[in-house]
Amino acid sequence: MAETGNCGAVRARITEKLTAALAPLSLNVIDETHHHAGHMGHHHDRSETHFRVEVVSAAFSGKGRVDRHRMINSLLAEELAGGVHALAIDARAPDGA
């Protein structure tokens, strides 16, 4: 279900929180920090600042895209306030909506 190889501490925490709250059918948490080296918001002294989340969960059934994103942002508020600079979200219900 969740992508686990080469997992840093922030990525592991994101995976744990989303798994516990959403019981996803599919979850990929991808650290894209290396794509942003030299960009605004990238700090050489920190890793794990840019992520992409791809999640399929029944918890999203009947909810629009904005509500799905709000759910994930709320679950990850601590990480977003801490050191995560960017979070790309692909959140879907099992029916593909």
N, C-alpha and C. Protein backbone atom coordinates (compact mmCIF):
# COMPACT_ATOMS: atom_id res chain seq x y z
N MET A 1 0.84 -1.19 0.00
CA MET A 1 0.00 0.00 0.00
C MET A 1 0.88 1.24 0.00
N ALA A 2 1.54 1.56 1.11
CA ALA A 2 2.35 2.78 1.18
C ALA A 2 3.76 2.49 0.68
N GLU A 3 4.30 3.45 -0.04
CA GLU A 3 5.68 3.36 -0.49
C GLU A 3 6.56 3.56 0.73
N THR A 4 7.47 2.61 1.00
CA THR A 4 8.23 2.69 2.24
C THR A 4 9.74 2.74 2.05
N GLY A 5 10.24 2.43 0.87
CA GLY A 5 11.68 2.41 0.67
C GLY A 5 12.30 3.78 0.88
N ASN A 6 13.53 3.81 1.42
CA ASN A 6 14.28 5.05 1.59
C ASN A 6 13.45 6.11 2.32
N CYS A 7 12.91 5.75 3.47
CA CYS A 7 11.95 6.60 4.17
C CYS A 7 12.62 7.42 5.26
N GLY A 8 12.52 8.76 5.14
CA GLY A 8 13.03 9.65 6.16
C GLY A 8 12.00 9.83 7.26
N ALA A 9 12.40 10.52 8.31
CA ALA A 9 11.53 10.70 9.48
C ALA A 9 10.26 11.48 9.17
N VAL A 10 10.36 12.55 8.39
CA VAL A 10 9.17 13.35 8.07
C VAL A 10 8.24 12.54 7.18
N ARG A 11 8.81 11.90 6.19
CA ARG A 11 8.01 11.06 5.29
C ARG A 11 7.30 9.95 6.07
N ALA A 12 7.99 9.34 7.00
CA ALA A 12 7.38 8.28 7.82
C ALA A 12 6.23 8.83 8.65
N ARG A 13 6.41 10.02 9.22
CA ARG A 13 5.35 10.64 10.04
C ARG A 13 4.13 10.98 9.18
N ILE A 14 4.35 11.50 7.97
CA ILE A 14 3.25 11.79 7.07
C ILE A 14 2.50 10.51 6.73
N THR A 15 3.24 9.46 6.40
CA THR A 15 2.63 8.17 6.06
C THR A 15 1.81 7.63 7.23
N GLU A 16 2.36 7.68 8.44
CA GLU A 16 1.65 7.19 9.63
C GLU A 16 0.36 7.95 9.87
N LYS A 17 0.42 9.28 9.79
CA LYS A 17 -0.77 10.10 10.06
C LYS A 17 -1.87 9.85 9.04
N LEU A 18 -1.50 9.82 7.75
CA LEU A 18 -2.50 9.61 6.72
C LEU A 18 -3.08 8.20 6.78
N THR A 19 -2.26 7.23 7.09
CA THR A 19 -2.73 5.85 7.21
C THR A 19 -3.71 5.72 8.37
N ALA A 20 -3.37 6.29 9.51
CA ALA A 20 -4.23 6.19 10.70
C ALA A 20 -5.56 6.90 10.50
N ALA A 21 -5.55 8.05 9.86
CA ALA A 21 -6.76 8.86 9.74
C ALA A 21 -7.64 8.47 8.56
N LEU A 22 -7.03 7.98 7.47
CA LEU A 22 -7.79 7.79 6.24
C LEU A 22 -7.98 6.33 5.83
N ALA A 23 -7.29 5.39 6.49
CA ALA A 23 -7.36 3.98 6.11
C ALA A 23 -7.32 3.83 4.58
N PRO A 24 -6.26 4.33 3.96
CA PRO A 24 -6.22 4.39 2.49
C PRO A 24 -6.12 3.02 1.83
N LEU A 25 -6.73 2.93 0.66
CA LEU A 25 -6.58 1.73 -0.17
C LEU A 25 -5.23 1.78 -0.87
N SER A 26 -4.75 3.00 -1.10
CA SER A 26 -3.46 3.22 -1.75
C SER A 26 -2.88 4.51 -1.20
N LEU A 27 -1.58 4.48 -0.93
CA LEU A 27 -0.92 5.68 -0.43
C LEU A 27 0.53 5.69 -0.87
N ASN A 28 0.94 6.76 -1.51
CA ASN A 28 2.34 7.00 -1.85
C ASN A 28 2.71 8.38 -1.32
N VAL A 29 3.75 8.42 -0.52
CA VAL A 29 4.29 9.68 -0.03
C VAL A 29 5.68 9.80 -0.63
N ILE A 30 5.85 10.77 -1.50
CA ILE A 30 7.07 10.88 -2.29
C ILE A 30 7.81 12.16 -1.89
N ASP A 31 9.06 11.99 -1.46
CA ASP A 31 9.90 13.13 -1.12
C ASP A 31 10.49 13.68 -2.41
N GLU A 32 10.10 14.89 -2.77
CA GLU A 32 10.57 15.54 -3.99
C GLU A 32 11.55 16.67 -3.70
N THR A 33 12.11 16.67 -2.52
CA THR A 33 13.01 17.75 -2.09
C THR A 33 14.17 17.93 -3.07
N HIS A 34 14.73 16.84 -3.54
CA HIS A 34 15.89 16.93 -4.42
C HIS A 34 15.59 17.68 -5.73
N HIS A 35 14.32 17.73 -6.12
CA HIS A 35 13.95 18.47 -7.33
C HIS A 35 13.99 19.99 -7.12
N HIS A 36 14.09 20.42 -5.88
CA HIS A 36 13.97 21.84 -5.56
C HIS A 36 15.26 22.45 -5.02
N ALA A 37 16.36 21.74 -5.14
CA ALA A 37 17.64 22.27 -4.68
C ALA A 37 17.92 23.59 -5.39
N GLY A 38 18.23 24.62 -4.63
CA GLY A 38 18.52 25.94 -5.19
C GLY A 38 17.31 26.83 -5.35
N HIS A 39 16.11 26.30 -5.14
CA HIS A 39 14.88 27.10 -5.26
C HIS A 39 14.58 27.79 -3.93
N MET A 40 13.75 28.82 -4.01
CA MET A 40 13.29 29.50 -2.81
C MET A 40 12.59 28.47 -1.92
N GLY A 41 12.89 28.49 -0.64
CA GLY A 41 12.26 27.55 0.28
C GLY A 41 13.07 26.31 0.51
N HIS A 42 14.10 26.08 -0.31
CA HIS A 42 14.97 24.91 -0.10
C HIS A 42 16.12 25.36 0.79
N HIS A 43 16.32 24.65 1.87
CA HIS A 43 17.39 24.97 2.80
C HIS A 43 18.40 23.84 2.78
N HIS A 44 19.64 24.17 2.54
CA HIS A 44 20.68 23.16 2.45
C HIS A 44 20.87 22.40 3.76
N ASP A 45 20.50 23.01 4.87
CA ASP A 45 20.67 22.36 6.16
C ASP A 45 19.48 21.48 6.53
N ARG A 46 18.44 21.44 5.68
CA ARG A 46 17.27 20.61 5.96
C ARG A 46 16.95 19.75 4.76
N SER A 47 16.50 18.55 5.04
CA SER A 47 15.99 17.71 3.97
C SER A 47 14.51 17.51 4.24
N GLU A 48 13.84 16.84 3.33
CA GLU A 48 12.42 16.53 3.48
C GLU A 48 11.56 17.79 3.63
N THR A 49 11.61 18.63 2.61
CA THR A 49 10.83 19.87 2.65
C THR A 49 9.73 19.92 1.59
N HIS A 50 9.81 19.08 0.57
CA HIS A 50 8.85 19.08 -0.53
C HIS A 50 8.32 17.66 -0.74
N PHE A 51 7.00 17.50 -0.69
CA PHE A 51 6.40 16.17 -0.82
C PHE A 51 5.26 16.16 -1.82
N ARG A 52 5.03 14.99 -2.37
CA ARG A 52 3.85 14.69 -3.18
C ARG A 52 3.14 13.54 -2.49
N VAL A 53 1.82 13.69 -2.28
CA VAL A 53 1.00 12.66 -1.66
C VAL A 53 -0.03 12.19 -2.69
N GLU A 54 -0.05 10.90 -2.93
CA GLU A 54 -1.04 10.27 -3.80
C GLU A 54 -1.81 9.29 -2.93
N VAL A 55 -3.10 9.56 -2.73
CA VAL A 55 -3.87 8.74 -1.79
C VAL A 55 -5.27 8.45 -2.33
N VAL A 56 -5.69 7.20 -2.15
CA VAL A 56 -7.05 6.77 -2.48
C VAL A 56 -7.67 6.27 -1.19
N SER A 57 -8.83 6.85 -0.83
CA SER A 57 -9.48 6.50 0.43
C SER A 57 -10.98 6.70 0.33
N ALA A 58 -11.72 5.80 0.96
CA ALA A 58 -13.17 5.94 1.04
C ALA A 58 -13.56 7.18 1.83
N ALA A 59 -12.65 7.69 2.66
CA ALA A 59 -12.92 8.91 3.43
C ALA A 59 -13.18 10.10 2.52
N PHE A 60 -12.77 10.01 1.26
CA PHE A 60 -12.96 11.10 0.31
C PHE A 60 -14.25 10.99 -0.49
N SER A 61 -14.96 9.89 -0.33
CA SER A 61 -16.20 9.69 -1.10
C SER A 61 -17.19 10.82 -0.82
N GLY A 62 -17.73 11.38 -1.88
CA GLY A 62 -18.71 12.45 -1.75
C GLY A 62 -18.12 13.82 -1.47
N LYS A 63 -16.79 13.92 -1.41
CA LYS A 63 -16.14 15.21 -1.11
C LYS A 63 -15.47 15.74 -2.38
N GLY A 64 -15.51 17.03 -2.55
CA GLY A 64 -14.84 17.68 -3.67
C GLY A 64 -13.35 17.79 -3.42
N ARG A 65 -12.63 18.19 -4.47
CA ARG A 65 -11.17 18.29 -4.39
C ARG A 65 -10.70 19.23 -3.28
N VAL A 66 -11.34 20.37 -3.14
CA VAL A 66 -10.92 21.33 -2.11
C VAL A 66 -11.08 20.73 -0.72
N ASP A 67 -12.20 20.06 -0.47
CA ASP A 67 -12.41 19.43 0.84
C ASP A 67 -11.40 18.32 1.11
N ARG A 68 -11.06 17.56 0.09
CA ARG A 68 -10.04 16.50 0.25
C ARG A 68 -8.70 17.11 0.63
N HIS A 69 -8.33 18.19 -0.06
CA HIS A 69 -7.06 18.86 0.25
C HIS A 69 -7.08 19.44 1.65
N ARG A 70 -8.21 20.03 2.03
CA ARG A 70 -8.32 20.58 3.39
C ARG A 70 -8.15 19.49 4.45
N MET A 71 -8.73 18.32 4.18
CA MET A 71 -8.59 17.20 5.13
C MET A 71 -7.11 16.84 5.31
N ILE A 72 -6.40 16.72 4.22
CA ILE A 72 -4.98 16.34 4.30
C ILE A 72 -4.16 17.45 4.94
N ASN A 73 -4.40 18.69 4.54
CA ASN A 73 -3.68 19.81 5.15
C ASN A 73 -3.92 19.88 6.65
N SER A 74 -5.12 19.61 7.09
CA SER A 74 -5.43 19.60 8.51
C SER A 74 -4.69 18.48 9.24
N LEU A 75 -4.66 17.30 8.64
CA LEU A 75 -3.96 16.17 9.25
C LEU A 75 -2.46 16.42 9.35
N LEU A 76 -1.93 17.19 8.42
CA LEU A 76 -0.48 17.43 8.37
C LEU A 76 -0.11 18.85 8.79
N ALA A 77 -0.96 19.49 9.56
CA ALA A 77 -0.73 20.88 9.98
C ALA A 77 0.60 21.04 10.71
N GLU A 78 0.94 20.10 11.55
CA GLU A 78 2.19 20.19 12.31
C GLU A 78 3.41 20.15 11.37
N GLU A 79 3.37 19.27 10.39
CA GLU A 79 4.48 19.16 9.44
C GLU A 79 4.57 20.41 8.57
N LEU A 80 3.43 20.93 8.15
CA LEU A 80 3.41 22.13 7.31
C LEU A 80 3.90 23.35 8.08
N ALA A 81 3.63 23.39 9.36
CA ALA A 81 4.11 24.50 10.19
C ALA A 81 5.57 24.33 10.57
N GLY A 82 6.04 23.08 10.53
CA GLY A 82 7.40 22.77 10.97
C GLY A 82 8.47 22.96 9.92
N GLY A 83 8.49 22.17 8.89
CA GLY A 83 9.56 22.28 7.93
C GLY A 83 9.16 21.91 6.52
N VAL A 84 7.97 21.37 6.37
CA VAL A 84 7.51 21.02 5.03
C VAL A 84 7.10 22.30 4.32
N HIS A 85 7.78 22.59 3.24
CA HIS A 85 7.58 23.84 2.51
C HIS A 85 6.50 23.71 1.43
N ALA A 86 6.40 22.51 0.84
CA ALA A 86 5.46 22.31 -0.26
C ALA A 86 4.85 20.91 -0.18
N LEU A 87 3.55 20.84 -0.50
CA LEU A 87 2.84 19.57 -0.46
C LEU A 87 1.90 19.52 -1.67
N ALA A 88 2.23 18.66 -2.63
CA ALA A 88 1.36 18.43 -3.79
C ALA A 88 0.45 17.26 -3.43
N ILE A 89 -0.84 17.39 -3.71
CA ILE A 89 -1.81 16.38 -3.28
C ILE A 89 -2.62 15.86 -4.46
N ASP A 90 -2.68 14.53 -4.55
CA ASP A 90 -3.61 13.86 -5.47
C ASP A 90 -4.44 12.93 -4.59
N ALA A 91 -5.63 13.38 -4.24
CA ALA A 91 -6.51 12.64 -3.31
C ALA A 91 -7.77 12.22 -4.05
N ARG A 92 -8.03 10.92 -4.03
CA ARG A 92 -9.18 10.39 -4.77
C ARG A 92 -9.98 9.41 -3.92
N ALA A 93 -11.25 9.31 -4.26
CA ALA A 93 -12.12 8.27 -3.68
C ALA A 93 -11.91 6.99 -4.49
N PRO A 94 -12.28 5.85 -3.94
CA PRO A 94 -12.08 4.59 -4.66
C PRO A 94 -12.77 4.53 -6.03
N ASP A 95 -13.82 5.29 -6.22
CA ASP A 95 -14.50 5.29 -7.53
C ASP A 95 -13.77 6.15 -8.55
N GLY A 96 -12.63 6.70 -8.17
CA GLY A 96 -11.81 7.49 -9.09
C GLY A 96 -12.13 8.96 -9.12
N ALA A 97 -13.17 9.36 -8.40
CA ALA A 97 -13.58 10.77 -8.40
C ALA A 97 -12.63 11.60 -7.56
